[in-house]
Protein backbone atom coordinates (compact mmCIF):
# COMPACT_ATOMS: atom_id res chain seq x y z
CA MET A 1 -85.35 -116.30 125.21
CA SER A 2 -88.54 -116.04 123.19
CA ALA A 3 -91.67 -115.35 124.73
CA ARG A 4 -95.58 -116.14 123.97
CA TYR A 5 -98.01 -113.44 124.90
CA PHE A 6 -101.76 -114.56 125.26
CA VAL A 7 -104.42 -112.00 124.90
CA PRO A 8 -108.00 -113.35 124.61
CA ARG A 9 -110.14 -113.06 121.59
CA ASP A 10 -113.36 -113.76 122.99
CA THR A 11 -116.46 -111.62 122.77
CA THR A 12 -116.29 -110.10 126.57
CA ALA A 13 -112.56 -109.69 126.33
CA VAL A 14 -112.91 -107.64 122.99
CA ALA A 15 -115.72 -105.59 124.42
CA VAL A 16 -113.45 -104.18 127.00
CA GLY A 17 -110.32 -103.56 125.09
CA ALA A 18 -108.64 -106.60 124.35
CA ASN A 19 -108.00 -105.90 120.75
CA ALA A 20 -106.13 -102.77 121.74
CA VAL A 21 -103.80 -104.62 124.07
CA ALA A 22 -103.41 -107.16 121.46
CA GLU A 23 -102.41 -104.51 118.79
CA ALA A 24 -99.93 -102.98 121.50
CA VAL A 25 -98.22 -106.30 122.12
CA SER A 26 -97.83 -106.99 118.31
CA ASN A 27 -96.43 -103.40 117.66
CA LEU A 28 -93.92 -103.95 120.39
CA ILE A 29 -92.64 -107.41 118.72
CA ALA A 30 -92.62 -105.80 115.48
CA VAL A 31 -90.46 -102.93 116.51
CA GLN A 32 -88.26 -105.34 118.74
CA GLY A 33 -87.67 -107.76 115.86
CA SER A 34 -87.91 -110.61 118.33
CA ALA A 35 -88.85 -114.11 118.11
CA ASP A 36 -91.85 -113.64 120.31
CA CYS A 37 -95.09 -114.29 119.14
CA LEU A 38 -98.71 -113.22 120.09
CA VAL A 39 -101.40 -115.84 120.75
CA ARG A 40 -105.20 -114.96 120.51
CA ASN A 41 -106.53 -117.51 122.96
CA GLY A 42 -109.89 -117.87 124.41
CA SER A 43 -110.85 -116.52 127.81
CA ARG A 44 -110.58 -118.31 130.98
CA GLY A 45 -113.79 -116.96 132.24
CA ALA A 46 -112.27 -114.45 134.80
CA PHE A 47 -114.13 -111.65 133.18
CA TRP A 48 -113.46 -109.28 135.91
CA LEU A 49 -109.76 -109.56 134.99
CA GLU A 50 -110.21 -108.81 131.26
CA PRO A 51 -108.25 -107.63 129.44
CA LEU A 52 -106.03 -110.33 130.63
CA LEU A 53 -102.49 -110.54 129.34
CA GLU A 54 -100.40 -113.78 130.14
CA ILE A 55 -96.51 -114.24 129.22
CA GLU A 56 -94.98 -117.55 128.83
CA ARG A 57 -91.28 -117.91 128.77
CA ASP A 58 -89.61 -121.50 129.47
CA GLY A 59 -92.87 -123.05 130.19
CA ASN A 60 -93.53 -120.51 132.87
CA ARG A 61 -96.87 -118.71 132.16
CA ILE A 62 -97.93 -115.66 134.37
CA GLY A 63 -100.66 -113.12 134.00
CA PHE A 64 -101.40 -109.66 134.43
CA GLY A 65 -104.71 -107.83 134.60
CA PRO A 66 -107.19 -106.11 134.03
CA VAL A 67 -104.47 -104.69 131.40
CA SER A 68 -104.99 -101.45 129.23
CA ALA A 69 -103.20 -100.89 125.96
CA ALA A 70 -101.16 -97.97 127.62
CA GLU A 71 -99.71 -100.43 130.16
CA VAL A 72 -98.48 -103.16 127.90
CA ALA A 73 -95.02 -101.45 127.13
CA GLN A 74 -94.30 -101.07 130.75
CA ILE A 75 -95.20 -104.73 131.53
CA LEU A 76 -93.21 -106.22 128.75
CA SER A 77 -90.17 -104.44 129.79
CA LEU A 78 -90.34 -105.54 133.27
CA ASP A 79 -87.07 -107.38 134.54
CA SER A 80 -87.51 -110.57 136.54
CA ASP A 81 -87.10 -108.91 139.82
CA ALA A 82 -89.85 -106.23 139.19
CA VAL A 83 -92.54 -108.36 137.91
CA SER A 84 -94.25 -109.66 140.90
CA ARG A 85 -94.23 -105.88 142.17
CA HIS A 86 -96.35 -104.70 139.48
CA PRO A 87 -99.85 -103.83 140.56
CA LYS A 88 -101.55 -105.75 137.76
CA TYR A 89 -99.21 -109.00 138.58
CA LEU A 90 -101.46 -112.25 138.99
CA GLY A 91 -98.81 -114.94 138.85
CA ARG A 92 -99.86 -118.29 137.63
CA LEU A 93 -103.62 -118.29 136.98
CA GLU A 94 -104.10 -121.82 138.13
CA GLU A 95 -102.76 -120.81 141.26
CA HIS A 96 -104.68 -117.71 141.82
CA PRO A 97 -107.40 -117.98 144.48
CA TRP A 98 -110.14 -117.39 142.15
CA PHE A 99 -109.27 -120.44 140.16
CA VAL A 100 -108.12 -122.74 142.94
CA GLY A 101 -111.30 -123.81 144.41
CA GLN A 102 -112.76 -124.80 141.00
CA ARG A 103 -112.85 -128.14 139.25
CA ARG A 104 -112.71 -127.61 135.54
CA LEU A 105 -113.75 -130.28 133.51
CA THR A 106 -115.74 -128.90 130.44
CA PHE A 107 -113.72 -125.59 130.56
CA ALA A 108 -110.39 -127.34 131.27
CA ARG A 109 -108.84 -126.09 127.73
CA ALA A 110 -110.61 -122.65 127.74
CA GLY A 111 -108.30 -119.93 127.52
CA MET A 112 -105.21 -122.08 127.19
CA ASP A 113 -104.37 -121.75 123.61
CA ASP A 114 -105.68 -120.43 120.27
CA PRO A 115 -109.27 -121.93 120.06
CA LEU A 116 -108.92 -122.66 116.40
CA CYS A 117 -105.51 -124.44 116.51
CA LEU A 118 -106.25 -128.02 115.99
CA ASP A 119 -102.80 -129.29 117.08
CA ALA A 120 -103.20 -127.40 120.22
CA TYR A 121 -106.50 -129.18 120.70
CA LEU A 122 -104.88 -132.58 119.80
CA ARG A 123 -101.90 -131.74 122.52
CA ARG A 124 -104.53 -131.24 125.30
CA HIS A 125 -105.80 -134.64 124.59
CA GLY A 126 -108.77 -133.48 122.13
CA PHE A 127 -110.58 -136.02 120.17
CA ASP A 128 -109.51 -138.87 122.59
CA GLY A 129 -113.06 -139.36 123.63
CA LEU A 130 -114.15 -139.71 119.77
CA GLU A 131 -111.17 -142.17 119.14
CA HIS A 132 -112.36 -144.23 121.97
CA ALA A 133 -116.06 -143.99 120.64
CA LEU A 134 -115.17 -145.03 117.12
CA HIS A 135 -114.32 -148.70 118.77
CA LEU A 136 -117.41 -148.97 120.75
CA PRO A 137 -120.94 -150.28 119.40
CA PRO A 138 -123.65 -147.55 119.90
CA GLU A 139 -125.36 -149.33 123.07
CA ASP A 140 -121.86 -149.01 124.71
CA ILE A 141 -121.66 -145.35 124.16
CA VAL A 142 -125.19 -144.74 125.51
CA ASP A 143 -124.40 -147.02 128.46
CA GLU A 144 -121.18 -144.82 129.04
CA ILE A 145 -123.30 -141.69 129.29
CA THR A 146 -126.15 -143.24 131.15
CA ARG A 147 -123.76 -144.49 133.96
CA SER A 148 -121.93 -140.90 134.21
CA GLY A 149 -125.03 -139.49 135.22
CA LEU A 150 -124.81 -136.55 132.67
CA ARG A 151 -128.14 -134.40 132.77
CA GLY A 152 -129.06 -131.65 130.35
CA ARG A 153 -127.23 -128.64 131.03
CA GLY A 154 -129.72 -126.51 129.23
CA GLY A 155 -132.02 -126.12 132.32
CA ALA A 156 -134.26 -129.22 132.12
CA ALA A 157 -131.75 -131.56 133.61
CA PHE A 158 -133.24 -134.35 131.70
CA PRO A 159 -130.99 -137.60 131.91
CA ALA A 160 -128.98 -137.61 128.74
CA GLY A 161 -128.47 -141.51 128.60
CA ILE A 162 -132.50 -141.83 128.52
CA LYS A 163 -132.88 -139.23 125.81
CA TRP A 164 -130.06 -141.06 123.74
CA ASN A 165 -131.37 -144.31 124.26
CA THR A 166 -134.75 -143.33 123.05
CA VAL A 167 -133.47 -142.13 119.90
CA LEU A 168 -131.12 -145.09 119.50
CA GLN A 169 -134.21 -147.53 119.81
CA ALA A 170 -136.33 -145.47 117.77
CA PRO A 171 -137.07 -147.20 114.30
CA GLY A 172 -135.71 -145.47 111.06
CA SER A 173 -132.22 -144.81 109.67
CA GLU A 174 -132.54 -141.02 109.31
CA LYS A 175 -131.87 -139.40 112.79
CA TYR A 176 -130.48 -136.07 113.58
CA ILE A 177 -128.23 -134.54 116.30
CA ALA A 178 -129.53 -130.86 117.05
CA CYS A 179 -127.32 -128.53 119.30
CA ASN A 180 -129.26 -125.86 121.02
CA ALA A 181 -126.88 -123.02 121.17
CA ASP A 182 -129.47 -120.36 121.40
CA GLU A 183 -128.25 -119.03 124.74
CA GLY A 184 -130.76 -116.36 125.72
CA ASP A 185 -131.31 -116.33 129.46
CA SER A 186 -130.22 -113.12 131.17
CA GLY A 187 -126.66 -113.53 133.13
CA THR A 188 -125.71 -116.66 131.06
CA PHE A 189 -122.57 -116.79 128.74
CA ALA A 190 -121.32 -120.34 129.39
CA ASP A 191 -122.33 -121.52 125.87
CA ARG A 192 -120.75 -118.71 124.00
CA LEU A 193 -117.47 -118.81 126.27
CA LEU A 194 -117.17 -122.56 125.31
CA MET A 195 -117.88 -122.22 121.59
CA GLU A 196 -115.33 -119.38 121.32
CA ALA A 197 -112.74 -120.76 123.78
CA ASP A 198 -112.87 -124.55 122.88
CA PRO A 199 -114.97 -125.06 119.84
CA TYR A 200 -113.51 -128.52 118.76
CA GLN A 201 -114.79 -130.06 122.16
CA LEU A 202 -118.43 -129.20 121.08
CA ILE A 203 -117.68 -130.64 117.70
CA GLU A 204 -116.36 -133.80 119.17
CA GLY A 205 -119.22 -134.23 121.35
CA MET A 206 -121.70 -133.78 118.65
CA VAL A 207 -119.91 -136.45 116.50
CA ILE A 208 -119.89 -138.99 119.39
CA ALA A 209 -123.64 -138.40 119.80
CA GLY A 210 -124.18 -139.22 116.33
CA LEU A 211 -122.49 -142.46 116.64
CA ALA A 212 -124.34 -143.31 119.68
CA VAL A 213 -127.74 -142.99 118.12
CA GLY A 214 -127.01 -143.64 114.28
CA ALA A 215 -127.25 -140.08 113.22
CA GLN A 216 -125.22 -138.74 110.30
CA GLN A 217 -126.35 -135.36 110.40
CA GLY A 218 -125.92 -132.60 113.06
CA TYR A 219 -127.02 -128.82 113.21
CA ILE A 220 -125.61 -126.14 115.68
CA TYR A 221 -128.67 -123.50 116.15
CA LEU A 222 -126.70 -120.45 117.06
CA ARG A 223 -127.99 -117.28 118.68
CA SER A 224 -128.17 -114.56 116.11
CA GLU A 225 -126.75 -112.19 118.60
CA TYR A 226 -123.40 -114.02 118.42
CA PRO A 227 -121.57 -113.04 115.30
CA HIS A 228 -118.05 -113.63 116.71
CA THR A 229 -119.12 -117.15 117.66
CA TRP A 230 -120.29 -117.88 114.14
CA GLU A 231 -116.89 -116.97 112.67
CA ILE A 232 -115.08 -119.18 115.08
CA LEU A 233 -117.38 -122.12 114.76
CA HIS A 234 -117.80 -121.59 111.04
CA THR A 235 -113.90 -121.88 110.81
CA ALA A 236 -113.41 -124.84 113.38
CA ILE A 237 -116.34 -126.81 111.39
CA ALA A 238 -114.13 -126.43 108.15
CA LYS A 239 -110.65 -127.29 109.83
CA ALA A 240 -112.29 -130.44 111.80
CA GLU A 241 -113.84 -131.53 108.29
CA ALA A 242 -110.51 -131.01 106.43
CA ALA A 243 -108.44 -133.05 109.14
CA GLY A 244 -110.97 -135.89 109.10
CA TYR A 245 -112.85 -135.41 111.90
CA LEU A 246 -116.08 -134.47 110.32
CA GLY A 247 -117.92 -135.62 107.09
CA ASP A 248 -117.46 -139.10 105.18
CA ALA A 249 -115.21 -141.74 106.69
CA ILE A 250 -114.26 -140.15 110.21
CA CYS A 251 -110.92 -140.88 111.33
CA GLU A 252 -110.69 -143.34 108.47
CA SER A 253 -113.43 -145.37 109.76
CA ASP A 254 -116.77 -146.37 108.11
CA LYS A 255 -118.59 -143.71 110.13
CA ASN A 256 -119.96 -140.49 108.84
CA PHE A 257 -121.09 -137.35 110.41
CA HIS A 258 -122.05 -134.04 108.76
CA LEU A 259 -122.33 -130.89 110.66
CA GLN A 260 -123.94 -127.53 109.88
CA LEU A 261 -124.10 -124.06 111.46
CA ARG A 262 -127.50 -122.42 111.49
CA GLN A 263 -128.41 -118.90 112.56
CA GLY A 264 -131.14 -118.30 115.26
CA ALA A 265 -134.00 -116.30 114.49
CA GLY A 266 -133.52 -113.71 117.43
CA SER A 267 -136.23 -115.10 119.53
CA TYR A 268 -135.92 -115.97 123.15
CA ILE A 269 -138.64 -118.68 122.70
CA CYS A 270 -136.53 -120.43 120.11
CA GLY A 271 -134.34 -121.54 123.03
CA GLU A 272 -137.22 -123.88 123.84
CA GLU A 273 -136.39 -127.02 121.78
CA THR A 274 -139.49 -127.45 119.96
CA ALA A 275 -139.57 -124.01 118.88
CA MET A 276 -135.93 -124.28 117.76
CA LEU A 277 -136.91 -127.36 115.82
CA GLU A 278 -139.46 -125.34 113.89
CA SER A 279 -136.92 -122.53 113.11
CA LEU A 280 -134.34 -124.97 112.22
CA GLU A 281 -137.02 -126.23 109.46
CA GLY A 282 -137.74 -122.66 108.24
CA ARG A 283 -140.59 -121.82 110.03
CA ARG A 284 -141.56 -119.36 112.70
CA GLY A 285 -140.32 -120.42 116.18
CA VAL A 286 -143.50 -121.45 118.00
CA VAL A 287 -143.75 -124.11 120.41
CA ARG A 288 -145.00 -127.66 119.57
CA ALA A 289 -147.28 -129.56 121.63
CA LYS A 290 -145.87 -132.82 123.25
CA PRO A 291 -146.20 -135.59 122.62
CA PRO A 292 -144.65 -136.61 120.29
CA LEU A 293 -141.41 -136.21 122.02
CA PRO A 294 -138.48 -134.76 119.69
CA ALA A 295 -136.60 -137.90 120.50
CA LEU A 296 -139.33 -139.86 118.56
CA LYS A 297 -140.58 -137.06 115.86
CA GLY A 298 -138.24 -134.15 115.93
CA LEU A 299 -136.44 -132.45 113.40
CA PHE A 300 -138.12 -133.08 109.88
CA GLY A 301 -140.36 -135.72 111.60
CA LYS A 302 -137.49 -137.69 112.56
CA PRO A 303 -135.89 -139.04 115.73
CA THR A 304 -133.80 -136.31 117.09
CA VAL A 305 -131.29 -135.71 119.96
CA VAL A 306 -131.66 -132.10 121.07
CA ASN A 307 -129.09 -131.21 123.76
CA ASN A 308 -127.55 -127.86 124.63
CA VAL A 309 -123.91 -126.91 124.34
CA LEU A 310 -122.49 -127.85 127.74
CA THR A 311 -124.19 -131.24 127.60
CA LEU A 312 -122.70 -132.30 124.49
CA ALA A 313 -119.29 -130.69 125.29
CA ALA A 314 -119.34 -132.68 128.63
CA VAL A 315 -119.57 -135.97 126.29
CA ALA A 316 -116.26 -135.53 124.73
CA THR A 317 -114.95 -135.40 128.56
CA ILE A 318 -116.92 -138.51 129.74
CA LEU A 319 -115.73 -140.63 126.72
CA ALA A 320 -112.08 -139.89 127.25
CA ASP A 321 -111.95 -140.04 131.00
CA GLY A 322 -114.80 -142.77 131.60
CA ALA A 323 -118.22 -142.73 133.24
CA ASP A 324 -116.95 -143.49 136.65
CA ALA A 325 -114.62 -140.63 136.92
CA TYR A 326 -117.47 -138.14 135.88
CA ALA A 327 -119.94 -139.77 138.09
CA ALA A 328 -117.48 -139.43 141.16
CA LEU A 329 -118.26 -135.71 141.17
CA GLY A 330 -121.25 -134.21 142.44
CA GLU A 331 -124.04 -135.00 144.78
CA GLY A 332 -127.35 -136.90 144.76
CA ARG A 333 -128.72 -137.41 141.23
CA SER A 334 -126.58 -134.18 140.14
CA ARG A 335 -123.40 -135.73 138.83
CA GLY A 336 -120.35 -134.15 137.58
CA THR A 337 -119.65 -130.16 137.48
CA ILE A 338 -121.93 -127.27 137.22
CA THR A 339 -120.96 -124.15 135.34
CA LEU A 340 -122.14 -120.98 136.86
CA GLN A 341 -122.18 -117.56 135.47
CA LEU A 342 -121.66 -114.77 138.02
CA ALA A 343 -123.27 -111.47 136.66
CA GLY A 344 -125.30 -108.41 137.80
CA ASN A 345 -124.11 -106.33 140.63
CA VAL A 346 -121.06 -108.48 141.32
CA ALA A 347 -117.43 -107.46 141.58
CA LYS A 348 -115.93 -110.49 140.28
CA GLY A 349 -118.14 -111.61 137.40
CA GLY A 350 -117.06 -114.56 135.36
CA LEU A 351 -117.66 -118.40 135.10
CA VAL A 352 -117.01 -120.82 137.66
CA GLU A 353 -117.15 -124.61 137.21
CA VAL A 354 -117.38 -126.55 140.32
CA PRO A 355 -118.78 -130.07 141.42
CA TYR A 356 -122.51 -130.11 142.24
CA GLY A 357 -123.08 -130.06 146.06
CA ILE A 358 -121.45 -126.77 147.01
CA THR A 359 -123.88 -124.27 148.27
CA LEU A 360 -124.76 -120.92 146.60
CA ARG A 361 -123.49 -118.95 149.73
CA GLU A 362 -120.12 -120.71 149.34
CA VAL A 363 -119.96 -119.77 145.80
CA LEU A 364 -120.81 -116.18 146.59
CA ASP A 365 -118.35 -115.90 149.23
CA ARG A 366 -115.70 -117.83 147.30
CA TYR A 367 -115.76 -116.24 144.00
CA ALA A 368 -118.28 -113.13 143.83
CA GLY A 369 -116.21 -110.48 145.82
CA GLY A 370 -119.49 -108.99 147.11
CA THR A 371 -121.35 -106.44 145.05
CA ARG A 372 -119.83 -104.06 142.57
CA SER A 373 -121.46 -101.30 144.15
CA GLY A 374 -119.86 -102.14 147.53
CA ARG A 375 -123.45 -102.53 149.10
CA PRO A 376 -124.93 -105.64 150.91
CA MET A 377 -126.47 -108.37 148.68
CA ARG A 378 -130.23 -108.75 149.04
CA ALA A 379 -131.46 -111.05 146.25
CA ILE A 380 -130.00 -113.58 144.02
CA GLN A 381 -131.62 -114.74 140.87
CA VAL A 382 -130.60 -118.19 139.74
CA GLY A 383 -131.70 -119.78 136.47
CA GLY A 384 -132.34 -117.09 134.17
CA PRO A 385 -135.11 -114.52 134.01
CA LEU A 386 -137.62 -117.13 134.87
CA GLY A 387 -135.84 -118.40 137.98
CA ALA A 388 -137.00 -117.40 141.54
CA TYR A 389 -135.59 -114.68 143.32
CA LEU A 390 -133.51 -116.17 146.22
CA HIS A 391 -133.55 -114.62 149.80
CA GLU A 392 -130.49 -114.62 151.99
CA SER A 393 -132.21 -117.34 153.99
CA GLN A 394 -132.05 -119.65 150.92
CA TRP A 395 -128.44 -119.27 150.10
CA ASP A 396 -127.08 -122.24 151.83
CA THR A 397 -129.25 -124.46 149.42
CA PRO A 398 -126.81 -127.09 147.78
CA LEU A 399 -126.41 -126.54 144.23
CA ASP A 400 -128.20 -129.64 143.28
CA TYR A 401 -131.34 -130.08 141.03
CA GLU A 402 -133.67 -131.67 143.43
CA ALA A 403 -132.50 -129.53 146.46
CA PHE A 404 -132.98 -126.27 144.65
CA ALA A 405 -136.48 -127.27 143.45
CA ALA A 406 -137.44 -128.26 147.07
CA ALA A 407 -136.25 -124.86 148.03
CA GLY A 408 -138.56 -123.33 145.30
CA GLY A 409 -135.77 -122.33 142.88
CA MET A 410 -134.30 -123.68 139.93
CA LEU A 411 -130.66 -123.96 138.57
CA GLY A 412 -131.62 -123.68 134.84
CA HIS A 413 -128.59 -123.04 132.92
CA GLY A 414 -126.47 -121.69 135.80
CA GLY A 415 -126.99 -118.05 135.52
CA VAL A 416 -126.48 -116.31 138.72
CA VAL A 417 -127.45 -112.61 138.96
CA VAL A 418 -126.89 -110.39 142.12
CA PHE A 419 -128.84 -107.64 143.16
CA ASP A 420 -127.72 -105.35 146.05
CA ASP A 421 -130.11 -103.61 148.76
CA THR A 422 -131.06 -101.10 146.45
CA VAL A 423 -133.26 -103.15 144.42
CA ASP A 424 -137.29 -102.97 144.29
CA MET A 425 -138.44 -106.30 144.10
CA ALA A 426 -141.78 -105.23 142.96
CA GLU A 427 -140.32 -103.55 139.94
CA GLN A 428 -138.31 -107.01 139.47
CA ALA A 429 -141.62 -108.93 139.62
CA ARG A 430 -143.05 -106.81 136.96
CA PHE A 431 -139.79 -107.18 134.76
CA ALA A 432 -140.60 -110.91 134.86
CA MET A 433 -144.10 -110.26 133.49
CA ALA A 434 -142.90 -107.74 130.98
CA PHE A 435 -140.16 -110.22 129.73
CA CYS A 436 -142.93 -112.63 129.06
CA VAL A 437 -145.03 -110.18 127.04
CA GLU A 438 -142.04 -109.58 124.92
CA GLU A 439 -140.90 -112.94 124.29
CA SER A 440 -143.89 -115.17 124.35
CA CYS A 441 -144.47 -116.89 120.94
CA GLY A 442 -148.19 -116.13 121.41
CA LYS A 443 -149.48 -119.70 120.97
CA CYS A 444 -151.45 -120.30 124.16
CA THR A 445 -153.47 -117.91 126.09
CA PRO A 446 -152.40 -118.27 129.57
CA CYS A 447 -148.76 -117.14 128.38
CA ARG A 448 -149.81 -114.55 125.74
CA LEU A 449 -152.50 -112.64 127.67
CA GLY A 450 -151.73 -113.59 131.33
CA SER A 451 -148.45 -111.87 130.92
CA VAL A 452 -150.15 -108.73 129.77
CA ARG A 453 -152.48 -108.63 132.64
CA GLY A 454 -149.87 -109.82 135.07
CA ALA A 455 -147.88 -106.60 134.25
CA GLU A 456 -151.11 -104.47 134.39
CA VAL A 457 -151.82 -105.72 137.84
CA LEU A 458 -148.35 -105.23 139.23
CA ASP A 459 -148.55 -101.68 138.00
CA LYS A 460 -151.42 -101.13 140.15
CA ILE A 461 -149.64 -102.68 143.04
CA ILE A 462 -146.52 -100.44 142.48
CA ALA A 463 -149.04 -97.50 142.42
CA ARG A 464 -150.51 -98.60 145.87
CA ASP A 465 -153.84 -99.16 144.15
CA SER A 466 -155.90 -101.74 146.20
CA VAL A 467 -152.81 -103.57 147.06
CA ASP A 468 -154.11 -106.57 148.87
CA GLU A 469 -156.91 -107.16 146.28
CA ASN A 470 -154.47 -106.90 143.33
CA ILE A 471 -152.06 -109.19 145.11
CA ASN A 472 -154.80 -111.86 145.41
CA LEU A 473 -155.56 -111.57 141.79
CA LEU A 474 -152.00 -111.59 140.81
CA GLN A 475 -151.53 -114.99 142.69
CA ASP A 476 -154.59 -116.47 140.82
CA LEU A 477 -153.10 -115.28 137.42
CA CYS A 478 -149.86 -116.86 138.36
CA ASP A 479 -151.89 -120.18 139.14
CA THR A 480 -153.37 -120.01 135.67
CA MET A 481 -150.01 -119.43 133.85
CA GLU A 482 -148.31 -122.11 135.64
CA LEU A 483 -151.10 -124.75 135.10
CA GLY A 484 -152.37 -123.68 131.53
CA SER A 485 -149.23 -122.51 129.60
CA LEU A 486 -148.19 -124.88 126.75
CA CYS A 487 -144.38 -124.59 127.60
CA ALA A 488 -141.97 -123.54 130.36
CA MET A 489 -142.07 -119.80 129.00
CA GLY A 490 -145.54 -119.49 130.71
CA GLY A 491 -145.35 -122.09 133.16
CA LEU A 492 -142.11 -120.52 134.96
CA THR A 493 -142.85 -116.76 134.59
CA PRO A 494 -144.74 -116.92 138.05
CA ASN A 495 -141.65 -118.09 139.77
CA PRO A 496 -139.89 -114.78 140.04
CA VAL A 497 -143.44 -113.22 140.98
CA ARG A 498 -144.19 -115.50 143.66
CA SER A 499 -140.78 -115.58 145.04
CA ALA A 500 -140.65 -111.60 145.29
CA LEU A 501 -144.05 -111.60 146.84
CA LYS A 502 -143.11 -114.32 149.45
CA TYR A 503 -139.72 -113.12 150.53
CA PHE A 504 -139.72 -109.51 149.95
CA PRO A 505 -143.27 -108.56 150.88
CA GLU A 506 -142.07 -105.24 152.33
CA ASP A 507 -141.73 -103.91 148.64
CA PHE A 508 -145.37 -104.57 147.92
CA ALA A 509 -147.01 -102.89 150.83
């Protein structure tokens, strides 16, 4: 009986030793001269279990993890009676408690197969959404996205259907699709995982977007710090084009869509859509004033759909399964699923996909497994380095854009960074200002200078120099940055500072 062995090839798995595990498996197969084979799949997102080794025989697939190269020989030699008694035995991953409560739509295929195997993607209903879209007029595709309730997953949460319709109705025949894959928020890795584990889904979503708005050219603006992702995407684009899913006469239709991969400039601010467009055009990544909106005057001055990776990937699912199925999940105006990335001082770090509406506390209790240090959690930062630090009194807030905003937080890209009770929140507030100093594009004064002054004032507070006076000054400075900054970089930097002051005042006394 031949077997298939799965060892993930994504960046995180490789970083903790997956290549050594894969080499050990490959060597044993060679020595035994068997018909077994090794599959380098994408990660399932359970990073706390990496390196993960899965074994499939007769359609039954079980996992072991985290596995070291030294343990491979013993695991592969286990007889059927001893398998379940091995200390690293996980059973079927779909039945593992960490996965059972999830609702995976966007990440349904992640970790199941070789991410570059086009046949595997097709077997799991890949390109079904594109096949459906090819038989619809553009207006109907846009209507499907609108009815699904899909909102931008990059952080702004703007309704995708409204943006797409704006581009569709804009005059002119030259239009573009720009995928923002410049994933720079601390504690976020969902975009990278999707591109490394299921790249064809992103390609499919971008082609559908092109059909919807009349664009024949797309660009993926990829973070420069993702070299492994670049290799996977570059290969996937070439394979999709060779198979007729990209380029001229897509799927033997009269529709055309071309896709290019572009490397980011290594700047956090290029994650802002207009700065990204500047960079794509070959200039320094500096924020543009709005209006005009990119949907009307974007890349090269033409109407442009700018969406992030997860937004465009969700499009493939929506067109395949229908808007109603997607809209049936979630709460309020937040429809579908949210992808959360558990990071920081957390025992079980990784990617979790659940319907909107679940509370932050439920996520922490069900999936986080407490802190890695074993100490109590004290603060949770959601939404990246510019998100608020949430006190325990706020952890029962539903994961819903409007509910989070009402509670003084933001969901952003879904990064969840955990801090235990040893954290100094005054130092974390200073980190927010220092981050803005480092990453500001420098175009507007409130952000460029306000962040520098903010770090200086916080240094005085931390040194216990005229604390009350400097806290008042810091609050005024935050007001100036929020109201006067050109983009969200400076406008959101006050969020973590104010939340630290409000909910953790003892660290500033």
